[in-house]
Amino acid sequence: MYKTATLVALSQIVGTNEYTLKRGFREVFGATFFGFWTELKMQNAQNLLLDDEISIGDLTITPYI
């Protein structure tokens, strides 16, 4: 579901440098990029675990996260 991202690649995509991207991201979201990304993945994992239509067995063998 998710692809690995580097800050250098992301900064090139948005047309800035890595330092400016990190600083601006923290100002806007109050967290580092990877801290924010980790939190999103954890929320997604929690939602999947709470979903009655997906078994835990399915989650262990399928790359949902």
PDB file of N, CA and C in Angstrom:
ATOM      1  N   MET A   1       0.825  -1.199   0.000  1.00  0.00           N
ATOM      2  CA  MET A   1       0.000   0.000   0.000  1.00  0.00           C
ATOM      3  C   MET A   1       0.865   1.257   0.000  1.00  0.00           C
ATOM      4  N   TYR A   2       1.888   1.256   0.837  1.00  0.00           N
ATOM      5  CA  TYR A   2       2.744   2.435   0.923  1.00  0.00           C
ATOM      6  C   TYR A   2       4.080   2.148   0.263  1.00  0.00           C
ATOM      7  N   LYS A   3       4.640   3.155  -0.350  1.00  0.00           N
ATOM      8  CA  LYS A   3       5.962   3.032  -0.935  1.00  0.00           C
ATOM      9  C   LYS A   3       6.952   3.757  -0.044  1.00  0.00           C
ATOM     10  N   THR A   4       8.170   3.291  -0.046  1.00  0.00           N
ATOM     11  CA  THR A   4       9.213   3.946   0.714  1.00  0.00           C
ATOM     12  C   THR A   4       9.531   5.290   0.066  1.00  0.00           C
ATOM     13  N   ALA A   5       9.629   6.316   0.891  1.00  0.00           N
ATOM     14  CA  ALA A   5       9.918   7.666   0.400  1.00  0.00           C
ATOM     15  C   ALA A   5      11.156   8.194   1.117  1.00  0.00           C
ATOM     16  N   THR A   6      11.932   8.983   0.401  1.00  0.00           N
ATOM     17  CA  THR A   6      13.058   9.668   1.032  1.00  0.00           C
ATOM     18  C   THR A   6      12.755  11.153   1.028  1.00  0.00           C
ATOM     19  N   LEU A   7      13.282  11.835   2.004  1.00  0.00           N
ATOM     20  CA  LEU A   7      13.067  13.279   2.066  1.00  0.00           C
ATOM     21  C   LEU A   7      13.720  13.988   0.893  1.00  0.00           C
ATOM     22  N   VAL A   8      14.828  13.477   0.416  1.00  0.00           N
ATOM     23  CA  VAL A   8      15.490  14.092  -0.739  1.00  0.00           C
ATOM     24  C   VAL A   8      14.571  14.000  -1.961  1.00  0.00           C
ATOM     25  N   ALA A   9      14.002  12.810  -2.189  1.00  0.00           N
ATOM     26  CA  ALA A   9      13.110  12.633  -3.340  1.00  0.00           C
ATOM     27  C   ALA A   9      11.869  13.503  -3.199  1.00  0.00           C
ATOM     28  N   LEU A  10      11.294  13.548  -2.010  1.00  0.00           N
ATOM     29  CA  LEU A  10      10.100  14.371  -1.797  1.00  0.00           C
ATOM     30  C   LEU A  10      10.397  15.853  -1.968  1.00  0.00           C
ATOM     31  N   SER A  11      11.550  16.283  -1.485  1.00  0.00           N
ATOM     32  CA  SER A  11      11.890  17.699  -1.626  1.00  0.00           C
ATOM     33  C   SER A  11      12.080  18.062  -3.096  1.00  0.00           C
ATOM     34  N   GLN A  12      12.629  17.150  -3.888  1.00  0.00           N
ATOM     35  CA  GLN A  12      12.775  17.402  -5.320  1.00  0.00           C
ATOM     36  C   GLN A  12      11.414  17.483  -6.000  1.00  0.00           C
ATOM     37  N   ILE A  13      10.482  16.636  -5.579  1.00  0.00           N
ATOM     38  CA  ILE A  13       9.131  16.644  -6.164  1.00  0.00           C
ATOM     39  C   ILE A  13       8.440  17.979  -5.925  1.00  0.00           C
ATOM     40  N   VAL A  14       8.590  18.527  -4.714  1.00  0.00           N
ATOM     41  CA  VAL A  14       7.911  19.781  -4.394  1.00  0.00           C
ATOM     42  C   VAL A  14       8.761  21.016  -4.716  1.00  0.00           C
ATOM     43  N   GLY A  15       9.971  20.795  -5.195  1.00  0.00           N
ATOM     44  CA  GLY A  15      10.792  21.910  -5.649  1.00  0.00           C
ATOM     45  C   GLY A  15      11.474  22.698  -4.555  1.00  0.00           C
ATOM     46  N   THR A  16      11.924  22.027  -3.514  1.00  0.00           N
ATOM     47  CA  THR A  16      12.644  22.705  -2.437  1.00  0.00           C
ATOM     48  C   THR A  16      13.798  21.809  -2.005  1.00  0.00           C
ATOM     49  N   ASN A  17      14.492  22.185  -0.950  1.00  0.00           N
ATOM     50  CA  ASN A  17      15.559  21.315  -0.453  1.00  0.00           C
ATOM     51  C   ASN A  17      15.074  20.559   0.789  1.00  0.00           C
ATOM     52  N   GLU A  18      15.855  19.579   1.202  1.00  0.00           N
ATOM     53  CA  GLU A  18      15.457  18.711   2.309  1.00  0.00           C
ATOM     54  C   GLU A  18      15.248  19.492   3.607  1.00  0.00           C
ATOM     55  N   TYR A  19      16.135  20.423   3.905  1.00  0.00           N
ATOM     56  CA  TYR A  19      16.028  21.198   5.142  1.00  0.00           C
ATOM     57  C   TYR A  19      14.729  22.008   5.178  1.00  0.00           C
ATOM     58  N   THR A  20      14.430  22.690   4.090  1.00  0.00           N
ATOM     59  CA  THR A  20      13.215  23.518   4.040  1.00  0.00           C
ATOM     60  C   THR A  20      11.969  22.651   4.141  1.00  0.00           C
ATOM     61  N   LEU A  21      11.984  21.489   3.503  1.00  0.00           N
ATOM     62  CA  LEU A  21      10.849  20.567   3.581  1.00  0.00           C
ATOM     63  C   LEU A  21      10.629  20.099   5.020  1.00  0.00           C
ATOM     64  N   LYS A  22      11.704  19.694   5.689  1.00  0.00           N
ATOM     65  CA  LYS A  22      11.581  19.225   7.074  1.00  0.00           C
ATOM     66  C   LYS A  22      11.069  20.328   7.995  1.00  0.00           C
ATOM     67  N   ARG A  23      11.643  21.506   7.858  1.00  0.00           N
ATOM     68  CA  ARG A  23      11.246  22.629   8.714  1.00  0.00           C
ATOM     69  C   ARG A  23       9.790  23.023   8.462  1.00  0.00           C
ATOM     70  N   GLY A  24       9.428  23.148   7.194  1.00  0.00           N
ATOM     71  CA  GLY A  24       8.062  23.530   6.859  1.00  0.00           C
ATOM     72  C   GLY A  24       7.043  22.484   7.262  1.00  0.00           C
ATOM     73  N   PHE A  25       7.393  21.227   7.088  1.00  0.00           N
ATOM     74  CA  PHE A  25       6.469  20.159   7.470  1.00  0.00           C
ATOM     75  C   PHE A  25       6.200  20.190   8.966  1.00  0.00           C
ATOM     76  N   ARG A  26       7.253  20.361   9.749  1.00  0.00           N
ATOM     77  CA  ARG A  26       7.096  20.410  11.210  1.00  0.00           C
ATOM     78  C   ARG A  26       6.250  21.617  11.629  1.00  0.00           C
ATOM     79  N   GLU A  27       6.439  22.748  10.978  1.00  0.00           N
ATOM     80  CA  GLU A  27       5.653  23.941  11.304  1.00  0.00           C
ATOM     81  C   GLU A  27       4.171  23.730  11.016  1.00  0.00           C
ATOM     82  N   VAL A  28       3.869  23.087   9.900  1.00  0.00           N
ATOM     83  CA  VAL A  28       2.473  22.900   9.495  1.00  0.00           C
ATOM     84  C   VAL A  28       1.804  21.774  10.277  1.00  0.00           C
ATOM     85  N   PHE A  29       2.482  20.645  10.425  1.00  0.00           N
ATOM     86  CA  PHE A  29       1.850  19.464  11.009  1.00  0.00           C
ATOM     87  C   PHE A  29       2.250  19.184  12.446  1.00  0.00           C
ATOM     88  N   GLY A  30       3.237  19.899  12.964  1.00  0.00           N
ATOM     89  CA  GLY A  30       3.641  19.713  14.357  1.00  0.00           C
ATOM     90  C   GLY A  30       4.364  18.407  14.617  1.00  0.00           C
ATOM     91  N   ALA A  31       4.897  17.784  13.582  1.00  0.00           N
ATOM     92  CA  ALA A  31       5.615  16.520  13.723  1.00  0.00           C
ATOM     93  C   ALA A  31       6.604  16.398  12.574  1.00  0.00           C
ATOM     94  N   THR A  32       7.567  15.510  12.742  1.00  0.00           N
ATOM     95  CA  THR A  32       8.465  15.238  11.625  1.00  0.00           C
ATOM     96  C   THR A  32       7.689  14.492  10.550  1.00  0.00           C
ATOM     97  N   PHE A  33       8.222  14.496   9.331  1.00  0.00           N
ATOM     98  CA  PHE A  33       7.542  13.792   8.253  1.00  0.00           C
ATOM     99  C   PHE A  33       7.379  12.314   8.577  1.00  0.00           C
ATOM    100  N   PHE A  34       8.454  11.660   9.010  1.00  0.00           N
ATOM    101  CA  PHE A  34       8.376  10.229   9.267  1.00  0.00           C
ATOM    102  C   PHE A  34       7.585   9.914  10.527  1.00  0.00           C
ATOM    103  N   GLY A  35       7.568  10.821  11.497  1.00  0.00           N
ATOM    104  CA  GLY A  35       6.696  10.643  12.654  1.00  0.00           C
ATOM    105  C   GLY A  35       5.229  10.709  12.242  1.00  0.00           C
ATOM    106  N   PHE A  36       4.921  11.655  11.384  1.00  0.00           N
ATOM    107  CA  PHE A  36       3.561  11.806  10.860  1.00  0.00           C
ATOM    108  C   PHE A  36       3.173  10.578  10.041  1.00  0.00           C
ATOM    109  N   TRP A  37       4.080  10.118   9.177  1.00  0.00           N
ATOM    110  CA  TRP A  37       3.849   8.949   8.326  1.00  0.00           C
ATOM    111  C   TRP A  37       3.616   7.702   9.175  1.00  0.00           C
ATOM    112  N   THR A  38       4.427   7.533  10.220  1.00  0.00           N
ATOM    113  CA  THR A  38       4.269   6.390  11.123  1.00  0.00           C
ATOM    114  C   THR A  38       2.923   6.429  11.817  1.00  0.00           C
ATOM    115  N   GLU A  39       2.515   7.592  12.262  1.00  0.00           N
ATOM    116  CA  GLU A  39       1.213   7.736  12.919  1.00  0.00           C
ATOM    117  C   GLU A  39       0.075   7.371  11.968  1.00  0.00           C
ATOM    118  N   LEU A  40       0.160   7.797  10.719  1.00  0.00           N
ATOM    119  CA  LEU A  40      -0.865   7.429   9.733  1.00  0.00           C
ATOM    120  C   LEU A  40      -0.931   5.919   9.536  1.00  0.00           C
ATOM    121  N   LYS A  41       0.235   5.275   9.450  1.00  0.00           N
ATOM    122  CA  LYS A  41       0.255   3.827   9.270  1.00  0.00           C
ATOM    123  C   LYS A  41      -0.317   3.111  10.493  1.00  0.00           C
ATOM    124  N   MET A  42      -0.022   3.617  11.675  1.00  0.00           N
ATOM    125  CA  MET A  42      -0.551   3.002  12.895  1.00  0.00           C
ATOM    126  C   MET A  42      -2.068   3.165  12.986  1.00  0.00           C
ATOM    127  N   GLN A  43      -2.574   4.327  12.596  1.00  0.00           N
ATOM    128  CA  GLN A  43      -4.023   4.533  12.578  1.00  0.00           C
ATOM    129  C   GLN A  43      -4.685   3.597  11.575  1.00  0.00           C
ATOM    130  N   ASN A  44      -4.060   3.416  10.421  1.00  0.00           N
ATOM    131  CA  ASN A  44      -4.587   2.504   9.416  1.00  0.00           C
ATOM    132  C   ASN A  44      -4.594   1.072   9.945  1.00  0.00           C
ATOM    133  N   ALA A  45      -3.523   0.674  10.608  1.00  0.00           N
ATOM    134  CA  ALA A  45      -3.451  -0.669  11.184  1.00  0.00           C
ATOM    135  C   ALA A  45      -4.546  -0.869  12.232  1.00  0.00           C
ATOM    136  N   GLN A  46      -4.757   0.125  13.071  1.00  0.00           N
ATOM    137  CA  GLN A  46      -5.799   0.032  14.082  1.00  0.00           C
ATOM    138  C   GLN A  46      -7.170  -0.108  13.435  1.00  0.00           C
ATOM    139  N   ASN A  47      -7.440   0.677  12.411  1.00  0.00           N
ATOM    140  CA  ASN A  47      -8.728   0.590  11.719  1.00  0.00           C
ATOM    141  C   ASN A  47      -8.926  -0.780  11.087  1.00  0.00           C
ATOM    142  N   LEU A  48      -7.860  -1.331  10.511  1.00  0.00           N
ATOM    143  CA  LEU A  48      -7.964  -2.652   9.905  1.00  0.00           C
ATOM    144  C   LEU A  48      -8.222  -3.725  10.960  1.00  0.00           C
ATOM    145  N   LEU A  49      -7.578  -3.605  12.111  1.00  0.00           N
ATOM    146  CA  LEU A  49      -7.793  -4.580  13.180  1.00  0.00           C
ATOM    147  C   LEU A  49      -9.210  -4.501  13.748  1.00  0.00           C
ATOM    148  N   LEU A  50      -9.789  -3.323  13.734  1.00  0.00           N
ATOM    149  CA  LEU A  50     -11.144  -3.149  14.254  1.00  0.00           C
ATOM    150  C   LEU A  50     -12.217  -3.517  13.235  1.00  0.00           C
ATOM    151  N   ASP A  51     -11.831  -3.691  11.985  1.00  0.00           N
ATOM    152  CA  ASP A  51     -12.771  -4.022  10.912  1.00  0.00           C
ATOM    153  C   ASP A  51     -13.181  -5.489  11.020  1.00  0.00           C
ATOM    154  N   ASP A  52     -14.467  -5.730  11.236  1.00  0.00           N
ATOM    155  CA  ASP A  52     -14.971  -7.094  11.394  1.00  0.00           C
ATOM    156  C   ASP A  52     -14.925  -7.897  10.099  1.00  0.00           C
ATOM    157  N   GLU A  53     -14.792  -7.251   8.966  1.00  0.00           N
ATOM    158  CA  GLU A  53     -14.814  -7.952   7.687  1.00  0.00           C
ATOM    159  C   GLU A  53     -13.436  -8.478   7.271  1.00  0.00           C
ATOM    160  N   ILE A  54     -12.386  -8.083   7.991  1.00  0.00           N
ATOM    161  CA  ILE A  54     -11.036  -8.548   7.680  1.00  0.00           C
ATOM    162  C   ILE A  54     -10.520  -9.353   8.864  1.00  0.00           C
ATOM    163  N   SER A  55     -10.140 -10.597   8.609  1.00  0.00           N
ATOM    164  CA  SER A  55      -9.627 -11.428   9.702  1.00  0.00           C
ATOM    165  C   SER A  55      -8.172 -11.063   9.990  1.00  0.00           C
ATOM    166  N   ILE A  56      -7.749 -11.322  11.207  1.00  0.00           N
ATOM    167  CA  ILE A  56      -6.363 -11.062  11.590  1.00  0.00           C
ATOM    168  C   ILE A  56      -5.439 -11.931  10.746  1.00  0.00           C
ATOM    169  N   GLY A  57      -5.865 -13.141  10.433  1.00  0.00           N
ATOM    170  CA  GLY A  57      -5.074 -14.004   9.564  1.00  0.00           C
ATOM    171  C   GLY A  57      -4.824 -13.385   8.211  1.00  0.00           C
ATOM    172  N   ASP A  58      -5.859 -12.766   7.641  1.00  0.00           N
ATOM    173  CA  ASP A  58      -5.699 -12.079   6.362  1.00  0.00           C
ATOM    174  C   ASP A  58      -4.725 -10.917   6.475  1.00  0.00           C
ATOM    175  N   LEU A  59      -4.765 -10.220   7.584  1.00  0.00           N
ATOM    176  CA  LEU A  59      -3.869  -9.082   7.770  1.00  0.00           C
ATOM    177  C   LEU A  59      -2.409  -9.517   7.849  1.00  0.00           C
ATOM    178  N   THR A  60      -2.174 -10.710   8.380  1.00  0.00           N
ATOM    179  CA  THR A  60      -0.792 -11.162   8.533  1.00  0.00           C
ATOM    180  C   THR A  60      -0.157 -11.585   7.223  1.00  0.00           C
ATOM    181  N   ILE A  61      -0.976 -11.937   6.219  1.00  0.00           N
ATOM    182  CA  ILE A  61      -0.406 -12.411   4.962  1.00  0.00           C
ATOM    183  C   ILE A  61      -0.581 -11.426   3.806  1.00  0.00           C
ATOM    184  N   THR A  62      -1.305 -10.364   4.027  1.00  0.00           N
ATOM    185  CA  THR A  62      -1.587  -9.397   2.966  1.00  0.00           C
ATOM    186  C   THR A  62      -0.977  -8.054   3.336  1.00  0.00           C
ATOM    187  N   PRO A  63      -0.303  -7.398   2.402  1.00  0.00           N
ATOM    188  CA  PRO A  63       0.339  -6.101   2.701  1.00  0.00           C
ATOM    189  C   PRO A  63      -0.642  -4.936   2.752  1.00  0.00           C
ATOM    190  N   TYR A  64      -1.518  -4.917   3.750  1.00  0.00           N
ATOM    191  CA  TYR A  64      -2.465  -3.812   3.904  1.00  0.00           C
ATOM    192  C   TYR A  64      -1.772  -2.534   4.330  1.00  0.00           C
ATOM    193  N   ILE A  65      -0.697  -2.675   5.092  1.00  0.00           N
ATOM    194  CA  ILE A  65      -0.052  -1.512   5.684  1.00  0.00           C
ATOM    195  C   ILE A  65       1.234  -1.208   4.976  1.00  0.00           C
TER     196      ILE A  65
END
